[in-house]
Amino acid sequence: MKQTLMAAPCDPDQRNHAGQTPAMYAALFQRTAILEDLRSRGADMQATDAAGNSVDSILRWSAGER
């Protein structure tokens, strides 16, 4: 499934209604391999969502650094 999605011709920074990107979801679920794939496809790792969360802050939160 991952290979199919990563091969799709879509914007790696596509946002949902809350302004979250695929990289933010990868960070939330600690999917570091997907996060690296998104980074290599040009995903904006500095993007923030509507609540001000970034990929890095979500990654830290999901790792238990609260």
C-alpha atoms as a PDB file:
ATOM      1  CA  MET A   1       0.000   0.000   0.000  1.00  0.00           C
ATOM      2  CA  LYS A   2       2.795   2.408   0.914  1.00  0.00           C
ATOM      3  CA  GLN A   3       4.516   1.924  -2.451  1.00  0.00           C
ATOM      4  CA  THR A   4       1.262   2.553  -4.310  1.00  0.00           C
ATOM      5  CA  LEU A   5       0.559   5.749  -2.416  1.00  0.00           C
ATOM      6  CA  MET A   6       4.123   7.023  -2.680  1.00  0.00           C
ATOM      7  CA  ALA A   7       4.120   6.383  -6.436  1.00  0.00           C
ATOM      8  CA  ALA A   8       0.895   8.339  -6.944  1.00  0.00           C
ATOM      9  CA  PRO A   9       1.307  11.698  -8.681  1.00  0.00           C
ATOM     10  CA  CYS A  10       0.005  13.845  -5.835  1.00  0.00           C
ATOM     11  CA  ASP A  11       1.163  16.762  -3.727  1.00  0.00           C
ATOM     12  CA  PRO A  12       3.061  15.533  -0.626  1.00  0.00           C
ATOM     13  CA  ASP A  13       1.829  18.652   1.165  1.00  0.00           C
ATOM     14  CA  GLN A  14      -1.898  18.151   0.495  1.00  0.00           C
ATOM     15  CA  ARG A  15      -3.777  19.288   3.609  1.00  0.00           C
ATOM     16  CA  ASN A  16      -6.958  18.080   5.239  1.00  0.00           C
ATOM     17  CA  HIS A  17      -9.663  20.321   6.751  1.00  0.00           C
ATOM     18  CA  ALA A  18      -7.487  20.923   9.855  1.00  0.00           C
ATOM     19  CA  GLY A  19      -4.427  21.849   7.808  1.00  0.00           C
ATOM     20  CA  GLN A  20      -2.613  18.589   8.522  1.00  0.00           C
ATOM     21  CA  THR A  21      -0.264  17.076   5.959  1.00  0.00           C
ATOM     22  CA  PRO A  22       0.705  13.448   5.274  1.00  0.00           C
ATOM     23  CA  ALA A  23       4.009  14.110   7.059  1.00  0.00           C
ATOM     24  CA  MET A  24       2.098  15.141  10.180  1.00  0.00           C
ATOM     25  CA  TYR A  25       0.170  11.870  10.130  1.00  0.00           C
ATOM     26  CA  ALA A  26       3.377   9.902   9.605  1.00  0.00           C
ATOM     27  CA  ALA A  27       4.858  11.699  12.610  1.00  0.00           C
ATOM     28  CA  LEU A  28       1.765  11.071  14.730  1.00  0.00           C
ATOM     29  CA  PHE A  29       1.986   7.328  14.167  1.00  0.00           C
ATOM     30  CA  GLN A  30       5.810   7.201  14.358  1.00  0.00           C
ATOM     31  CA  ARG A  31       6.121   6.047  10.726  1.00  0.00           C
ATOM     32  CA  THR A  32       9.684   7.227  10.262  1.00  0.00           C
ATOM     33  CA  ALA A  33      10.224   5.374   6.963  1.00  0.00           C
ATOM     34  CA  ILE A  34       7.165   7.076   5.463  1.00  0.00           C
ATOM     35  CA  LEU A  35       8.317  10.377   6.908  1.00  0.00           C
ATOM     36  CA  GLU A  36      11.676   9.981   5.167  1.00  0.00           C
ATOM     37  CA  ASP A  37       9.952   9.027   1.891  1.00  0.00           C
ATOM     38  CA  LEU A  38       7.788  12.143   2.108  1.00  0.00           C
ATOM     39  CA  ARG A  39      10.855  14.263   2.868  1.00  0.00           C
ATOM     40  CA  SER A  40      12.604  12.846  -0.222  1.00  0.00           C
ATOM     41  CA  ARG A  41       9.531  13.745  -2.317  1.00  0.00           C
ATOM     42  CA  GLY A  42       9.829  17.352  -1.172  1.00  0.00           C
ATOM     43  CA  ALA A  43       7.288  17.458   1.644  1.00  0.00           C
ATOM     44  CA  ASP A  44       7.473  20.624   3.724  1.00  0.00           C
ATOM     45  CA  MET A  45       8.730  19.492   7.120  1.00  0.00           C
ATOM     46  CA  GLN A  46       8.329  23.026   8.510  1.00  0.00           C
ATOM     47  CA  ALA A  47       4.593  23.252   7.772  1.00  0.00           C
ATOM     48  CA  THR A  48       2.198  23.859  10.638  1.00  0.00           C
ATOM     49  CA  ASP A  49      -1.461  22.933  10.972  1.00  0.00           C
ATOM     50  CA  ALA A  50      -4.357  25.157  12.065  1.00  0.00           C
ATOM     51  CA  ALA A  51      -3.449  24.548  15.744  1.00  0.00           C
ATOM     52  CA  GLY A  52       0.211  25.475  15.199  1.00  0.00           C
ATOM     53  CA  ASN A  53       1.547  21.913  15.351  1.00  0.00           C
ATOM     54  CA  SER A  54       4.558  21.037  13.223  1.00  0.00           C
ATOM     55  CA  VAL A  55       5.926  17.695  12.079  1.00  0.00           C
ATOM     56  CA  ASP A  56       8.629  17.913  14.761  1.00  0.00           C
ATOM     57  CA  SER A  57       6.250  18.829  17.578  1.00  0.00           C
ATOM     58  CA  ILE A  58       3.863  16.008  16.614  1.00  0.00           C
ATOM     59  CA  LEU A  59       6.765  13.553  16.432  1.00  0.00           C
ATOM     60  CA  ARG A  60       7.946  14.554  19.928  1.00  0.00           C
ATOM     61  CA  TRP A  61       4.398  14.397  21.341  1.00  0.00           C
ATOM     62  CA  SER A  62       3.726  10.966  19.872  1.00  0.00           C
ATOM     63  CA  ALA A  63       7.027   9.705  21.302  1.00  0.00           C
ATOM     64  CA  GLY A  64       5.834  10.665  24.761  1.00  0.00           C
ATOM     65  CA  GLU A  65       7.706  13.936  25.175  1.00  0.00           C
ATOM     66  CA  ARG A  66       4.788  15.890  26.610  1.00  0.00           C
END
